[in-house]
Every structure is written in C-alpha cells, then in structure tokens.
Amino acid sequence: MLFADDLSLPSNDHADLQTMLNKLRIYAERKSLTVNTQKSEVMCFNSNSENLLPLYFDGVLLPYTDIQMFGHGVQQADQSEYRG
C-alpha cells in the first residue's frame, strides 16, 4: 500500500483552483487513489476572509484554515510601520 502526503495546489484564481481539484478527483479515481477530505484544508494568503468562495472536492466542502507558522497562527496586519 502506498501513500501520498501533503499535496499543494497553488492558484491565484478561485475557478482555477476548483478546476485543479476536479482534475485531481478524476486522476485519483483513475489511479484508485483516495483523498481524505477530513484532512484536507484550504489556505489563502492576502485574502479578505469575508469574500472567500467555497471549494469542493468530490462534492465535499473543504474548510478554510488559518495560516500556521511554527505552530502559531499568523494574522495579516492592517498596516505596517517601517522601523529600519
């Protein structure tokens, strides 16, 4: 039995990402692979969380998650101050 872990599908466009997820479903089906949607999450960078459209894999809604670095959540700043 073989396992494939930690797949990343980078995209700058929601529709393109949904297309990639659909193609992944078809590929996985052809190769008799299973994607565990309970362990699958969507992570967005530089996005307003109120405007995120839903993404699905094989009809299952994928949850959005916060960005994590070193086990801690990362928040986007509203403004920054140069201290150089």
Foldseek 3Di string as FASTA:
>chain_A
DDDDDDDDDDDPDPVVVLVVLAVVLVVCVVVVHDDDLVPDEDEDDPDDVVPDDWHDHPNHTHYHDADDDPRDGDDDDPDDDDPD
